[in-house]
Amino acid sequence: MLVSRREVEIEWGDCDPAGIVFYPRYFAMFDASTALLLERATGMKKIAWTKKFGIVGIPMVDTRAKFIVPSRYGDLIAIETRATRLGRSSFDVEHRVLKSETLAIEAQETRVWAGRDPDDPDGIKGMPIPEEVVRALKAD
């Protein structure tokens, strides 16, 4: 599967009073990392691929994380992101956070390829993931 890797420097605002990253900040990083994986797969920024494929986004419907090693202000971490399952309209994503090449966090998400619900103008509905996106995410 295609892997996207990015480095993130931990900022002061990412940390809680204990001086470690406040866990919701990681989920914001994971959201950005998933978008970057799809940018790499499609060759387009998120605003372009949502428009091209007629979707409103890729909402998260399930998530979990195992926090192994804490990170602090000034630390440099690497986030490796890959799809681990590709369904008709949903897909699973794995994030591995490395701190000095030591595994710090393992996280998983389930996301839905979502468009407007034609029967409910305020609703969204899962749509089939385009085959070209599936092929790109399966590439090595």
N, C-alpha and C. Protein backbone atom coordinates (compact mmCIF):
# COMPACT_ATOMS: atom_id res chain seq x y z
N MET A 1 0.84 -1.19 0.00
CA MET A 1 0.00 0.00 0.00
C MET A 1 0.88 1.25 0.00
N LEU A 2 0.36 2.28 -0.60
CA LEU A 2 1.04 3.57 -0.64
C LEU A 2 1.24 4.10 0.77
N VAL A 3 2.43 4.63 1.05
CA VAL A 3 2.74 5.20 2.36
C VAL A 3 3.08 6.67 2.18
N SER A 4 2.50 7.50 3.01
CA SER A 4 2.84 8.92 3.07
C SER A 4 3.56 9.15 4.39
N ARG A 5 4.67 9.86 4.33
CA ARG A 5 5.44 10.15 5.55
C ARG A 5 5.68 11.64 5.62
N ARG A 6 5.45 12.19 6.80
CA ARG A 6 5.74 13.61 7.00
C ARG A 6 6.33 13.81 8.38
N GLU A 7 7.14 14.85 8.49
CA GLU A 7 7.74 15.19 9.77
C GLU A 7 7.00 16.38 10.36
N VAL A 8 6.83 16.34 11.67
CA VAL A 8 6.12 17.40 12.40
C VAL A 8 6.97 17.79 13.60
N GLU A 9 7.21 19.08 13.76
CA GLU A 9 7.87 19.57 14.97
C GLU A 9 6.79 19.94 15.97
N ILE A 10 6.90 19.40 17.17
CA ILE A 10 5.91 19.67 18.21
C ILE A 10 6.05 21.11 18.68
N GLU A 11 4.94 21.83 18.64
CA GLU A 11 4.91 23.24 19.04
C GLU A 11 4.41 23.38 20.47
N TRP A 12 4.68 24.53 21.06
CA TRP A 12 4.24 24.82 22.43
C TRP A 12 2.73 24.61 22.58
N GLY A 13 1.96 25.08 21.60
CA GLY A 13 0.51 24.99 21.66
C GLY A 13 -0.04 23.58 21.52
N ASP A 14 0.81 22.62 21.15
CA ASP A 14 0.38 21.22 21.06
C ASP A 14 0.36 20.54 22.43
N CYS A 15 0.98 21.18 23.42
CA CYS A 15 1.24 20.51 24.71
C CYS A 15 0.24 20.92 25.79
N ASP A 16 0.07 20.01 26.75
CA ASP A 16 -0.80 20.25 27.90
C ASP A 16 0.04 20.73 29.09
N PRO A 17 -0.59 21.01 30.24
CA PRO A 17 0.19 21.48 31.40
C PRO A 17 1.27 20.50 31.88
N ALA A 18 1.14 19.22 31.54
CA ALA A 18 2.18 18.25 31.92
C ALA A 18 3.40 18.33 31.01
N GLY A 19 3.29 19.14 29.94
CA GLY A 19 4.41 19.32 29.03
C GLY A 19 4.51 18.30 27.92
N ILE A 20 3.47 17.45 27.78
CA ILE A 20 3.45 16.48 26.68
C ILE A 20 2.32 16.85 25.73
N VAL A 21 2.36 16.26 24.54
CA VAL A 21 1.33 16.57 23.54
C VAL A 21 -0.04 16.17 24.09
N PHE A 22 -0.98 17.11 24.03
CA PHE A 22 -2.37 16.89 24.41
C PHE A 22 -2.98 15.99 23.34
N TYR A 23 -3.50 14.83 23.73
CA TYR A 23 -3.87 13.79 22.77
C TYR A 23 -4.77 14.25 21.62
N PRO A 24 -5.73 15.19 21.80
CA PRO A 24 -6.52 15.60 20.63
C PRO A 24 -5.68 16.24 19.52
N ARG A 25 -4.54 16.80 19.88
CA ARG A 25 -3.66 17.40 18.86
C ARG A 25 -3.16 16.33 17.90
N TYR A 26 -2.93 15.11 18.41
CA TYR A 26 -2.50 14.04 17.52
C TYR A 26 -3.58 13.74 16.48
N PHE A 27 -4.85 13.78 16.90
CA PHE A 27 -5.91 13.47 15.95
C PHE A 27 -6.01 14.53 14.86
N ALA A 28 -5.70 15.78 15.18
CA ALA A 28 -5.63 16.82 14.14
C ALA A 28 -4.47 16.50 13.18
N MET A 29 -3.35 16.05 13.73
CA MET A 29 -2.21 15.67 12.88
C MET A 29 -2.57 14.48 12.00
N PHE A 30 -3.31 13.51 12.56
CA PHE A 30 -3.72 12.35 11.78
C PHE A 30 -4.67 12.74 10.66
N ASP A 31 -5.58 13.67 10.94
CA ASP A 31 -6.50 14.15 9.90
C ASP A 31 -5.72 14.75 8.74
N ALA A 32 -4.75 15.60 9.06
CA ALA A 32 -3.91 16.20 8.02
C ALA A 32 -3.10 15.14 7.29
N SER A 33 -2.64 14.13 8.01
CA SER A 33 -1.85 13.07 7.39
C SER A 33 -2.68 12.22 6.43
N THR A 34 -3.95 11.97 6.78
CA THR A 34 -4.84 11.24 5.87
C THR A 34 -5.09 12.05 4.61
N ALA A 35 -5.32 13.35 4.76
CA ALA A 35 -5.50 14.22 3.59
C ALA A 35 -4.25 14.20 2.71
N LEU A 36 -3.07 14.22 3.33
CA LEU A 36 -1.82 14.18 2.56
C LEU A 36 -1.65 12.85 1.83
N LEU A 37 -2.08 11.75 2.44
CA LEU A 37 -2.03 10.46 1.76
C LEU A 37 -2.87 10.50 0.49
N LEU A 38 -4.07 11.06 0.61
CA LEU A 38 -4.95 11.14 -0.57
C LEU A 38 -4.42 12.15 -1.58
N GLU A 39 -3.78 13.21 -1.12
CA GLU A 39 -3.14 14.15 -2.05
C GLU A 39 -2.05 13.43 -2.85
N ARG A 40 -1.28 12.61 -2.16
CA ARG A 40 -0.23 11.86 -2.84
C ARG A 40 -0.83 10.85 -3.83
N ALA A 41 -1.92 10.20 -3.43
CA ALA A 41 -2.56 9.20 -4.30
C ALA A 41 -3.18 9.83 -5.54
N THR A 42 -3.78 11.00 -5.38
CA THR A 42 -4.50 11.63 -6.50
C THR A 42 -3.66 12.65 -7.26
N GLY A 43 -2.58 13.13 -6.65
CA GLY A 43 -1.78 14.18 -7.28
C GLY A 43 -2.43 15.54 -7.18
N MET A 44 -3.44 15.67 -6.30
CA MET A 44 -4.18 16.93 -6.16
C MET A 44 -4.32 17.30 -4.69
N LYS A 45 -4.44 18.59 -4.42
CA LYS A 45 -4.76 19.06 -3.08
C LYS A 45 -6.18 18.64 -2.73
N LYS A 46 -6.49 18.61 -1.43
CA LYS A 46 -7.79 18.14 -0.96
C LYS A 46 -8.94 18.90 -1.61
N ILE A 47 -8.82 20.20 -1.71
CA ILE A 47 -9.91 20.99 -2.31
C ILE A 47 -10.18 20.56 -3.74
N ALA A 48 -9.12 20.15 -4.46
CA ALA A 48 -9.28 19.71 -5.85
C ALA A 48 -9.88 18.31 -5.95
N TRP A 49 -9.40 17.37 -5.11
CA TRP A 49 -9.95 16.01 -5.24
C TRP A 49 -11.37 15.91 -4.71
N THR A 50 -11.74 16.71 -3.72
CA THR A 50 -13.14 16.68 -3.29
C THR A 50 -14.05 17.20 -4.41
N LYS A 51 -13.59 18.23 -5.09
CA LYS A 51 -14.37 18.79 -6.20
C LYS A 51 -14.42 17.81 -7.37
N LYS A 52 -13.27 17.27 -7.76
CA LYS A 52 -13.21 16.35 -8.91
C LYS A 52 -14.13 15.14 -8.71
N PHE A 53 -14.11 14.56 -7.51
CA PHE A 53 -14.88 13.34 -7.26
C PHE A 53 -16.27 13.61 -6.71
N GLY A 54 -16.65 14.88 -6.56
CA GLY A 54 -18.00 15.23 -6.13
C GLY A 54 -18.34 14.79 -4.72
N ILE A 55 -17.36 14.89 -3.82
CA ILE A 55 -17.62 14.50 -2.44
C ILE A 55 -17.50 15.71 -1.52
N VAL A 56 -18.06 15.57 -0.33
CA VAL A 56 -17.95 16.65 0.66
C VAL A 56 -16.77 16.42 1.58
N GLY A 57 -16.24 15.20 1.58
CA GLY A 57 -15.09 14.91 2.42
C GLY A 57 -14.99 13.44 2.73
N ILE A 58 -14.15 13.14 3.72
CA ILE A 58 -13.91 11.76 4.15
C ILE A 58 -14.05 11.71 5.68
N PRO A 59 -15.28 11.85 6.18
CA PRO A 59 -15.47 11.89 7.63
C PRO A 59 -15.00 10.60 8.32
N MET A 60 -14.48 10.79 9.51
CA MET A 60 -14.04 9.67 10.34
C MET A 60 -15.24 9.12 11.10
N VAL A 61 -15.41 7.81 11.06
CA VAL A 61 -16.52 7.18 11.78
C VAL A 61 -16.06 6.28 12.92
N ASP A 62 -14.76 6.00 12.96
CA ASP A 62 -14.21 5.22 14.07
C ASP A 62 -12.73 5.55 14.18
N THR A 63 -12.22 5.55 15.41
CA THR A 63 -10.79 5.79 15.62
C THR A 63 -10.36 5.16 16.93
N ARG A 64 -9.09 4.85 16.99
CA ARG A 64 -8.49 4.35 18.23
C ARG A 64 -6.99 4.59 18.13
N ALA A 65 -6.35 4.67 19.28
CA ALA A 65 -4.91 4.92 19.31
C ALA A 65 -4.29 4.28 20.54
N LYS A 66 -3.06 3.86 20.37
CA LYS A 66 -2.26 3.34 21.48
C LYS A 66 -1.06 4.27 21.63
N PHE A 67 -0.99 4.95 22.77
CA PHE A 67 0.07 5.91 23.05
C PHE A 67 1.18 5.20 23.82
N ILE A 68 2.36 5.13 23.23
CA ILE A 68 3.45 4.33 23.77
C ILE A 68 4.54 5.21 24.39
N VAL A 69 4.96 6.24 23.66
CA VAL A 69 6.04 7.13 24.10
C VAL A 69 5.54 8.57 23.95
N PRO A 70 5.62 9.40 25.00
CA PRO A 70 5.14 10.78 24.88
C PRO A 70 6.09 11.66 24.05
N SER A 71 5.53 12.72 23.50
CA SER A 71 6.32 13.73 22.79
C SER A 71 6.15 15.06 23.50
N ARG A 72 7.18 15.90 23.41
CA ARG A 72 7.21 17.18 24.11
C ARG A 72 7.55 18.31 23.14
N TYR A 73 7.34 19.52 23.61
CA TYR A 73 7.67 20.72 22.84
C TYR A 73 9.09 20.61 22.29
N GLY A 74 9.21 20.87 20.98
CA GLY A 74 10.51 20.84 20.31
C GLY A 74 10.88 19.50 19.71
N ASP A 75 10.17 18.42 20.09
CA ASP A 75 10.47 17.11 19.50
C ASP A 75 10.10 17.10 18.02
N LEU A 76 10.84 16.33 17.26
CA LEU A 76 10.53 16.10 15.86
C LEU A 76 10.01 14.68 15.74
N ILE A 77 8.80 14.54 15.22
CA ILE A 77 8.21 13.22 15.03
C ILE A 77 7.96 12.99 13.55
N ALA A 78 7.88 11.74 13.17
CA ALA A 78 7.50 11.37 11.80
C ALA A 78 6.19 10.61 11.88
N ILE A 79 5.28 10.93 10.96
CA ILE A 79 4.00 10.23 10.90
C ILE A 79 3.94 9.48 9.57
N GLU A 80 3.84 8.17 9.64
CA GLU A 80 3.69 7.32 8.46
C GLU A 80 2.23 6.90 8.37
N THR A 81 1.63 7.14 7.22
CA THR A 81 0.19 6.90 7.03
C THR A 81 -0.02 6.01 5.82
N ARG A 82 -0.90 5.02 5.98
CA ARG A 82 -1.24 4.13 4.85
C ARG A 82 -2.66 3.63 5.01
N ALA A 83 -3.30 3.33 3.90
CA ALA A 83 -4.60 2.65 3.94
C ALA A 83 -4.33 1.18 4.21
N THR A 84 -5.14 0.58 5.05
CA THR A 84 -4.97 -0.85 5.35
C THR A 84 -6.14 -1.70 4.86
N ARG A 85 -7.26 -1.04 4.55
CA ARG A 85 -8.44 -1.74 4.00
C ARG A 85 -9.17 -0.76 3.12
N LEU A 86 -9.58 -1.22 1.94
CA LEU A 86 -10.34 -0.39 1.02
C LEU A 86 -11.64 -1.10 0.70
N GLY A 87 -12.74 -0.58 1.23
CA GLY A 87 -14.05 -1.14 0.96
C GLY A 87 -14.73 -0.40 -0.19
N ARG A 88 -16.03 -0.63 -0.36
CA ARG A 88 -16.78 0.04 -1.42
C ARG A 88 -16.82 1.54 -1.20
N SER A 89 -17.18 1.96 0.02
CA SER A 89 -17.30 3.39 0.31
C SER A 89 -16.59 3.78 1.60
N SER A 90 -15.94 2.84 2.24
CA SER A 90 -15.19 3.16 3.46
C SER A 90 -13.79 2.58 3.35
N PHE A 91 -12.90 3.12 4.16
CA PHE A 91 -11.52 2.63 4.15
C PHE A 91 -10.90 2.84 5.53
N ASP A 92 -9.95 1.97 5.85
CA ASP A 92 -9.23 2.06 7.11
C ASP A 92 -7.85 2.64 6.85
N VAL A 93 -7.40 3.44 7.80
CA VAL A 93 -6.10 4.11 7.71
C VAL A 93 -5.32 3.79 8.97
N GLU A 94 -4.02 3.56 8.81
CA GLU A 94 -3.13 3.35 9.94
C GLU A 94 -2.12 4.49 9.98
N HIS A 95 -1.90 5.02 11.17
CA HIS A 95 -0.86 6.03 11.40
C HIS A 95 0.14 5.44 12.38
N ARG A 96 1.41 5.55 12.04
CA ARG A 96 2.49 5.16 12.95
C ARG A 96 3.31 6.42 13.21
N VAL A 97 3.39 6.79 14.48
CA VAL A 97 4.18 7.96 14.86
C VAL A 97 5.51 7.46 15.40
N LEU A 98 6.58 7.98 14.81
CA LEU A 98 7.93 7.59 15.21
C LEU A 98 8.63 8.79 15.82
N LYS A 99 9.28 8.55 16.93
CA LYS A 99 10.09 9.57 17.60
C LYS A 99 11.51 9.01 17.65
N SER A 100 12.40 9.62 16.89
CA SER A 100 13.78 9.09 16.76
C SER A 100 13.74 7.61 16.35
N GLU A 101 12.88 7.28 15.41
CA GLU A 101 12.71 5.93 14.88
C GLU A 101 12.15 4.93 15.90
N THR A 102 11.74 5.41 17.07
CA THR A 102 11.06 4.56 18.06
C THR A 102 9.56 4.74 17.89
N LEU A 103 8.82 3.64 17.85
CA LEU A 103 7.37 3.72 17.71
C LEU A 103 6.78 4.40 18.94
N ALA A 104 6.10 5.52 18.73
CA ALA A 104 5.51 6.30 19.82
C ALA A 104 4.00 6.13 19.90
N ILE A 105 3.35 6.00 18.74
CA ILE A 105 1.89 5.87 18.70
C ILE A 105 1.51 4.97 17.53
N GLU A 106 0.53 4.12 17.75
CA GLU A 106 -0.14 3.38 16.69
C GLU A 106 -1.60 3.82 16.71
N ALA A 107 -2.11 4.27 15.58
CA ALA A 107 -3.50 4.74 15.53
C ALA A 107 -4.17 4.21 14.27
N GLN A 108 -5.47 3.99 14.38
CA GLN A 108 -6.27 3.53 13.24
C GLN A 108 -7.52 4.40 13.13
N GLU A 109 -7.97 4.54 11.90
CA GLU A 109 -9.21 5.28 11.62
C GLU A 109 -10.01 4.48 10.60
N THR A 110 -11.32 4.65 10.64
CA THR A 110 -12.18 4.24 9.54
C THR A 110 -12.82 5.51 9.01
N ARG A 111 -12.75 5.68 7.70
CA ARG A 111 -13.29 6.87 7.05
C ARG A 111 -14.27 6.46 5.96
N VAL A 112 -15.16 7.39 5.62
CA VAL A 112 -16.16 7.16 4.59
C VAL A 112 -15.96 8.17 3.47
N TRP A 113 -16.00 7.69 2.24
CA TRP A 113 -15.96 8.53 1.04
C TRP A 113 -17.38 9.08 0.90
N ALA A 114 -17.61 10.33 1.28
CA ALA A 114 -18.97 10.84 1.48
C ALA A 114 -19.34 11.97 0.53
N GLY A 115 -20.55 11.85 -0.01
CA GLY A 115 -21.12 12.91 -0.84
C GLY A 115 -22.47 13.32 -0.27
N ARG A 116 -23.09 14.27 -0.92
CA ARG A 116 -24.42 14.72 -0.50
C ARG A 116 -25.43 13.61 -0.71
N ASP A 117 -26.35 13.48 0.23
CA ASP A 117 -27.43 12.51 0.12
C ASP A 117 -28.50 13.11 -0.79
N PRO A 118 -28.78 12.48 -1.94
CA PRO A 118 -29.77 13.05 -2.86
C PRO A 118 -31.18 13.12 -2.28
N ASP A 119 -31.45 12.30 -1.25
CA ASP A 119 -32.77 12.31 -0.62
C ASP A 119 -32.87 13.26 0.56
N ASP A 120 -31.75 13.84 0.97
CA ASP A 120 -31.73 14.75 2.11
C ASP A 120 -30.65 15.81 1.86
N PRO A 121 -31.05 17.01 1.43
CA PRO A 121 -30.06 18.03 1.07
C PRO A 121 -29.12 18.43 2.21
N ASP A 122 -29.51 18.14 3.45
CA ASP A 122 -28.65 18.45 4.60
C ASP A 122 -27.80 17.25 5.02
N GLY A 123 -28.03 16.10 4.40
CA GLY A 123 -27.34 14.88 4.81
C GLY A 123 -26.19 14.51 3.90
N ILE A 124 -25.40 13.58 4.38
CA ILE A 124 -24.33 13.01 3.56
C ILE A 124 -24.51 11.51 3.51
N LYS A 125 -23.86 10.89 2.51
CA LYS A 125 -24.05 9.47 2.27
C LYS A 125 -22.75 8.91 1.70
N GLY A 126 -22.44 7.66 2.09
CA GLY A 126 -21.27 7.01 1.52
C GLY A 126 -21.42 6.82 0.02
N MET A 127 -20.34 7.06 -0.70
CA MET A 127 -20.29 6.89 -2.15
C MET A 127 -19.17 5.92 -2.48
N PRO A 128 -19.25 5.24 -3.63
CA PRO A 128 -18.15 4.33 -4.00
C PRO A 128 -16.83 5.10 -4.16
N ILE A 129 -15.77 4.53 -3.61
CA ILE A 129 -14.45 5.13 -3.79
C ILE A 129 -14.05 4.90 -5.25
N PRO A 130 -13.67 5.94 -5.98
CA PRO A 130 -13.31 5.77 -7.39
C PRO A 130 -12.17 4.76 -7.57
N GLU A 131 -12.27 3.96 -8.61
CA GLU A 131 -11.27 2.92 -8.87
C GLU A 131 -9.87 3.50 -9.01
N GLU A 132 -9.74 4.68 -9.60
CA GLU A 132 -8.40 5.27 -9.74
C GLU A 132 -7.78 5.60 -8.38
N VAL A 133 -8.61 5.96 -7.42
CA VAL A 133 -8.11 6.24 -6.06
C VAL A 133 -7.72 4.92 -5.39
N VAL A 134 -8.55 3.90 -5.54
CA VAL A 134 -8.24 2.59 -4.97
C VAL A 134 -6.92 2.08 -5.53
N ARG A 135 -6.74 2.16 -6.85
CA ARG A 135 -5.50 1.69 -7.47
C ARG A 135 -4.29 2.44 -6.93
N ALA A 136 -4.41 3.76 -6.81
CA ALA A 136 -3.29 4.57 -6.32
C ALA A 136 -2.95 4.24 -4.87
N LEU A 137 -3.97 4.02 -4.03
CA LEU A 137 -3.71 3.69 -2.63
C LEU A 137 -3.11 2.29 -2.47
N LYS A 138 -3.39 1.40 -3.41
CA LYS A 138 -2.83 0.04 -3.36
C LYS A 138 -1.40 -0.02 -3.88
N ALA A 139 -0.95 1.02 -4.57
CA ALA A 139 0.40 1.03 -5.15
C ALA A 139 1.46 1.00 -4.06
N ASP A 140 2.61 0.47 -4.40
CA ASP A 140 3.73 0.44 -3.44
C ASP A 140 4.54 1.70 -3.52
